[in-house]
Protein backbone atom coordinates (compact mmCIF):
# COMPACT_ATOMS: atom_id res chain seq x y z
CA LEU A 1 104.96 106.63 -6.22
CA ILE A 2 108.54 105.30 -6.28
CA LEU A 3 109.90 108.51 -4.77
CA LEU A 4 107.12 108.61 -2.16
CA ILE A 5 107.94 105.08 -1.00
CA ILE A 6 111.66 105.89 -0.81
CA PHE A 7 110.81 109.02 1.21
CA ILE A 8 108.66 107.07 3.69
CA VAL A 9 111.18 104.25 4.08
CA THR A 10 114.01 106.75 4.62
CA ALA A 11 111.95 108.55 7.27
CA VAL A 12 111.41 105.26 9.12
CA ASN A 13 115.10 104.46 8.65
CA TYR A 14 116.07 107.60 10.56
CA ALA A 15 113.33 107.15 13.15
CA ASP A 16 114.71 103.70 13.95
CA ARG A 17 118.12 105.26 14.54
CA ALA A 18 116.59 107.79 16.92
CA THR A 19 114.52 105.35 18.99
CA LEU A 20 117.18 104.84 21.63
CA SER A 21 117.82 108.56 22.05
CA ILE A 22 114.18 109.20 22.97
CA ALA A 23 113.86 106.11 25.16
CA GLY A 24 117.46 106.33 26.39
CA THR A 25 116.82 107.82 29.83
CA GLU A 26 114.30 105.12 30.73
CA VAL A 27 116.42 102.37 29.16
CA ALA A 28 119.52 103.43 31.11
CA LYS A 29 117.53 103.61 34.34
CA GLU A 30 115.88 100.20 33.99
CA LEU A 31 118.95 98.37 32.68
CA GLN A 32 121.28 100.21 35.09
CA LEU A 33 123.54 101.50 32.33
CA SER A 34 126.10 104.23 32.95
CA ALA A 35 126.69 107.14 30.59
CA VAL A 36 129.84 105.39 29.36
CA SER A 37 127.87 102.22 28.62
CA MET A 38 125.23 104.23 26.77
CA GLY A 39 128.02 105.86 24.77
CA TYR A 40 129.26 102.47 23.64
CA ILE A 41 125.72 101.37 22.77
CA PHE A 42 125.11 104.55 20.74
CA SER A 43 128.41 104.12 18.90
CA ALA A 44 127.69 100.47 18.02
CA PHE A 45 125.40 101.64 15.22
CA GLY A 46 128.10 103.83 13.70
CA TRP A 47 130.79 101.15 13.82
CA ALA A 48 128.59 98.65 12.02
CA TYR A 49 127.33 101.25 9.53
CA LEU A 50 130.92 102.14 8.62
CA LEU A 51 132.04 98.52 8.26
CA MET A 52 129.12 97.65 5.98
CA GLN A 53 129.19 100.69 3.67
CA ILE A 54 131.51 99.35 0.97
CA PRO A 55 130.31 95.72 1.21
CA GLY A 56 126.75 97.05 1.07
CA GLY A 57 127.49 98.89 -2.15
CA TRP A 58 129.02 95.75 -3.63
CA LEU A 59 125.94 93.71 -2.68
CA LEU A 60 123.74 96.30 -4.39
CA ASP A 61 125.79 96.10 -7.57
CA LYS A 62 125.79 92.31 -7.52
CA PHE A 63 122.20 91.49 -6.50
CA GLY A 64 120.26 94.64 -7.35
CA SER A 65 118.57 97.39 -5.37
CA LYS A 66 115.19 95.77 -4.72
CA LYS A 67 116.49 92.48 -3.36
CA VAL A 68 119.20 93.97 -1.12
CA TYR A 69 116.91 96.77 0.11
CA THR A 70 114.18 94.23 0.94
CA TYR A 71 116.52 92.26 3.19
CA SER A 72 117.98 95.46 4.63
CA LEU A 73 114.55 96.86 5.52
CA PHE A 74 113.34 93.58 7.01
CA PHE A 75 116.40 93.01 9.18
CA TRP A 76 116.73 96.58 10.45
CA SER A 77 113.03 96.39 11.40
CA LEU A 78 113.66 93.05 13.12
CA PHE A 79 116.56 94.36 15.19
CA THR A 80 114.60 97.49 16.07
CA PHE A 81 111.70 95.29 17.21
CA LEU A 82 113.96 93.02 19.28
CA GLN A 83 115.40 95.97 21.21
CA GLY A 84 112.05 96.13 22.97
CA PHE A 85 112.74 92.77 24.62
CA VAL A 86 116.27 93.21 25.98
CA ASP A 87 114.86 93.71 29.49
CA MET A 88 113.96 90.01 29.48
CA PHE A 89 117.67 89.22 29.89
CA PRO A 90 119.48 89.40 33.25
CA LEU A 91 120.87 92.89 33.87
CA ALA A 92 124.40 91.65 33.26
CA TRP A 93 123.43 90.68 29.70
CA ALA A 94 120.83 93.33 28.90
CA GLY A 95 123.38 96.02 28.06
CA ILE A 96 125.38 93.60 25.90
CA SER A 97 122.18 92.56 24.13
CA MET A 98 121.28 96.19 23.43
CA PHE A 99 124.79 96.81 22.08
CA PHE A 100 124.42 93.81 19.77
CA MET A 101 120.98 94.92 18.55
CA ARG A 102 122.23 98.43 17.80
CA PHE A 103 125.27 97.01 16.02
CA MET A 104 123.07 94.80 13.84
CA LEU A 105 120.72 97.74 13.21
CA GLY A 106 123.63 99.73 11.78
CA PHE A 107 124.81 96.70 9.83
CA SER A 108 121.36 96.24 8.29
CA GLU A 109 120.72 99.92 7.52
CA ALA A 110 124.07 100.53 5.78
CA PRO A 111 122.93 99.71 2.20
CA SER A 112 119.86 101.96 2.39
CA PHE A 113 121.23 105.31 1.19
CA PRO A 114 123.37 103.83 -1.62
CA ALA A 115 120.26 101.90 -2.66
CA ASN A 116 118.21 105.10 -2.65
CA ALA A 117 120.75 106.69 -4.98
CA ARG A 118 120.69 103.68 -7.32
CA ILE A 119 116.90 103.62 -7.51
CA VAL A 120 116.79 107.35 -8.28
CA ALA A 121 119.44 106.87 -10.98
CA ALA A 122 117.37 104.05 -12.51
CA TRP A 123 114.04 105.87 -12.47
CA PHE A 124 114.77 109.56 -13.04
CA PRO A 125 116.23 111.42 -16.03
CA THR A 126 119.47 113.27 -15.40
CA LYS A 127 117.78 116.70 -15.11
CA GLU A 128 115.34 115.43 -12.44
CA ARG A 129 117.81 113.40 -10.42
CA GLY A 130 119.03 116.24 -8.21
CA THR A 131 115.49 117.17 -7.19
CA ALA A 132 114.57 113.55 -6.52
CA SER A 133 117.69 113.07 -4.38
CA ALA A 134 116.95 116.25 -2.42
CA ILE A 135 113.42 115.02 -1.70
CA PHE A 136 114.41 111.63 -0.32
CA ASN A 137 117.30 113.16 1.66
CA SER A 138 114.89 115.60 3.30
CA ALA A 139 113.09 112.59 4.78
CA GLN A 140 115.75 112.30 7.49
CA TYR A 141 114.79 115.72 8.88
CA PHE A 142 111.09 115.16 8.32
CA SER A 143 111.51 111.95 10.30
CA LEU A 144 112.86 113.72 13.38
CA ALA A 145 110.10 116.33 13.21
CA LEU A 146 107.36 113.71 12.89
CA PHE A 147 108.57 110.79 14.98
CA SER A 148 110.27 112.50 17.94
CA PRO A 149 106.94 113.62 19.50
CA LEU A 150 105.37 110.23 18.71
CA LEU A 151 108.24 108.29 20.27
CA GLY A 152 108.21 110.59 23.29
CA TRP A 153 104.49 109.95 23.77
CA LEU A 154 104.96 106.18 23.40
CA THR A 155 107.69 106.22 26.05
CA PHE A 156 105.50 108.24 28.42
CA ALA A 157 102.21 106.39 27.85
CA TRP A 158 103.24 102.80 27.19
CA GLY A 159 106.87 102.42 28.27
CA TRP A 160 110.18 102.48 26.42
CA GLU A 161 109.76 98.92 25.09
CA HIS A 162 106.88 100.01 22.85
CA VAL A 163 109.06 102.61 21.10
CA PHE A 164 111.01 99.74 19.57
CA THR A 165 108.17 97.29 18.99
CA VAL A 166 105.91 99.84 17.28
CA MET A 167 108.69 101.04 14.98
CA GLY A 168 109.62 97.44 14.22
CA VAL A 169 106.05 96.60 13.21
CA ILE A 170 105.90 99.70 10.98
CA GLY A 171 109.06 98.43 9.29
CA PHE A 172 107.56 94.98 8.69
CA VAL A 173 104.52 96.56 7.02
CA LEU A 174 106.78 98.70 4.85
CA THR A 175 108.77 95.60 3.85
CA ALA A 176 105.60 94.00 2.48
CA LEU A 177 104.70 97.20 0.60
CA TRP A 178 108.23 97.47 -0.75
CA ILE A 179 108.11 93.95 -2.18
CA LYS A 180 104.75 94.63 -3.82
CA LEU A 181 105.31 98.14 -5.20
CA ILE A 182 109.00 98.56 -6.01
CA HIS A 183 110.25 97.32 -9.38
CA ASN A 184 113.02 98.04 -11.85
CA PRO A 185 111.78 100.38 -14.62
CA THR A 186 111.99 97.60 -17.21
CA ASP A 187 109.99 95.21 -14.98
CA HIS A 188 107.29 97.56 -13.71
CA PRO A 189 103.82 96.29 -14.72
CA ARG A 190 102.50 99.82 -15.32
CA MET A 191 105.50 101.18 -17.19
CA SER A 192 104.58 102.06 -20.76
CA ALA A 193 107.06 101.67 -23.60
CA GLU A 194 106.88 105.42 -24.27
CA GLU A 195 107.70 106.36 -20.68
CA LEU A 196 110.51 103.81 -20.50
CA LYS A 197 111.98 105.18 -23.72
CA PHE A 198 111.69 108.77 -22.46
CA ILE A 199 113.49 108.24 -19.14
CA SER A 200 116.11 106.02 -20.79
CA GLU A 201 116.91 108.55 -23.51
CA ASN A 202 117.19 111.31 -20.89
CA GLY A 203 119.75 109.60 -18.70
CA ALA A 204 117.93 107.11 -16.47
CA VAL A 205 119.94 103.90 -16.08
CA VAL A 206 116.91 101.65 -16.52
CA ASP A 207 118.84 98.40 -16.91
CA MET A 208 121.15 98.97 -13.93
CA ASP A 209 120.06 95.81 -12.11
CA HIS A 210 120.12 93.55 -15.16
CA LYS A 211 123.28 91.49 -15.43
CA LYS A 212 125.08 91.95 -18.69
CA PRO A 213 126.64 89.01 -20.55
CA GLY A 214 130.31 88.55 -19.80
CA SER A 215 130.27 90.92 -16.82
CA ALA A 216 130.42 88.23 -14.12
CA ALA A 217 134.21 87.98 -14.19
CA ALA A 218 134.58 91.75 -13.88
CA SER A 219 132.06 92.10 -11.06
CA GLY A 220 132.97 92.41 -7.41
CA PRO A 221 134.97 94.88 -5.35
CA LYS A 222 138.36 95.93 -6.67
CA LEU A 223 141.02 97.58 -4.50
CA HIS A 224 142.00 100.06 -7.20
CA TYR A 225 138.42 101.40 -7.25
CA ILE A 226 138.82 102.45 -3.62
CA LYS A 227 142.25 103.94 -4.33
CA GLN A 228 140.80 106.00 -7.17
CA LEU A 229 138.03 107.32 -4.93
CA LEU A 230 140.41 108.19 -2.09
CA SER A 231 142.71 110.05 -4.47
CA ASN A 232 139.87 112.14 -5.93
CA ARG A 233 139.87 115.62 -4.35
CA MET A 234 136.17 116.16 -5.01
CA MET A 235 135.31 112.86 -3.32
CA LEU A 236 137.49 113.73 -0.33
CA GLY A 237 135.74 117.09 -0.06
CA VAL A 238 132.35 115.39 -0.04
CA PHE A 239 133.62 112.85 2.51
CA PHE A 240 134.88 115.43 5.01
CA GLY A 241 131.88 117.69 4.47
CA GLN A 242 129.53 114.81 5.21
CA TYR A 243 131.63 113.82 8.22
CA PHE A 244 131.32 117.24 9.86
CA ILE A 245 127.59 117.41 9.10
CA ASN A 246 127.11 113.99 10.68
CA THR A 247 128.94 114.93 13.87
CA ILE A 248 126.26 117.56 14.48
CA THR A 249 123.36 115.42 13.28
CA TRP A 250 124.49 112.47 15.38
CA PHE A 251 124.40 114.54 18.57
CA PHE A 252 120.70 115.19 17.98
CA LEU A 253 120.14 111.50 17.16
CA THR A 254 121.79 110.31 20.37
CA TRP A 255 122.54 112.48 23.40
CA PHE A 256 120.32 115.53 22.87
CA PRO A 257 117.06 114.08 24.32
CA ILE A 258 118.93 112.49 27.24
CA TYR A 259 120.65 115.82 27.93
CA LEU A 260 117.28 117.60 28.03
CA VAL A 261 115.89 115.09 30.54
CA GLN A 262 118.90 114.84 32.83
CA GLU A 263 120.27 118.39 32.73
CA LYS A 264 117.19 120.50 31.97
CA GLY A 265 114.67 118.42 33.88
CA MET A 266 112.22 118.14 30.99
CA SER A 267 109.57 115.45 30.85
CA ILE A 268 109.85 112.86 28.10
CA LEU A 269 106.73 114.32 26.45
CA LYS A 270 108.29 117.77 26.26
CA VAL A 271 111.58 116.29 25.09
CA GLY A 272 109.79 114.64 22.18
CA LEU A 273 108.47 118.02 21.06
CA VAL A 274 111.73 119.92 21.61
CA ALA A 275 113.79 117.22 19.86
CA SER A 276 111.67 117.68 16.74
CA ILE A 277 112.62 121.37 16.40
CA PRO A 278 116.21 121.03 15.05
């Protein structure tokens, strides 16, 4: 159940990133935004996501996965929802408002993947952790396959505003489910002593979110931690590998649907289907 919830939340996480790409043609037309302006709005998410990565990890270590993820999920759903109302502002402010909403979306979503990794480390034995991580990571591609046609249909049938409001409401519902169903292994009401002992003895870090006596002074970000990471060749390899993967993925999350509409003359319904293929 824990892995299923993480999978669903991660799928919605990626769908919320892709909302503007599906609705982008209609948004740009109604708000009179140029391609350059849309480029800045698309990039706002990435800037905020980058800035919040390390602070987000520190917040997770300090306050625990459930609490930080709850706030993260609620606020990214809120800023997704509010994007559906930017047309209420004068045109001169609508683009700025959309930029701000996308920036705050990236800011709010930044802790999500580190939190996923922490929850998997807390719940799964070492030998099962790779499989569990692969499953929740696959949600990002499942998300594009599932939500792209849905978002395309919403844009066509109800207007671009409903792409954001519907996804925001889905996020609010998931926030309530998250609060009710997600627990630390040691706090879960249905966790038996035998199961807790089994996963703990096989590598699960079941007490990860429990503060240890005397650790308060040592907690918090340390500059030498970052230096150690940046001097690790394996970490640098992972960093650059992920960077090049993301450059391709981000094209499909931003400009690809707009390209299909403007250059290939596809309808938004067809774009939703085609965008789900990659």
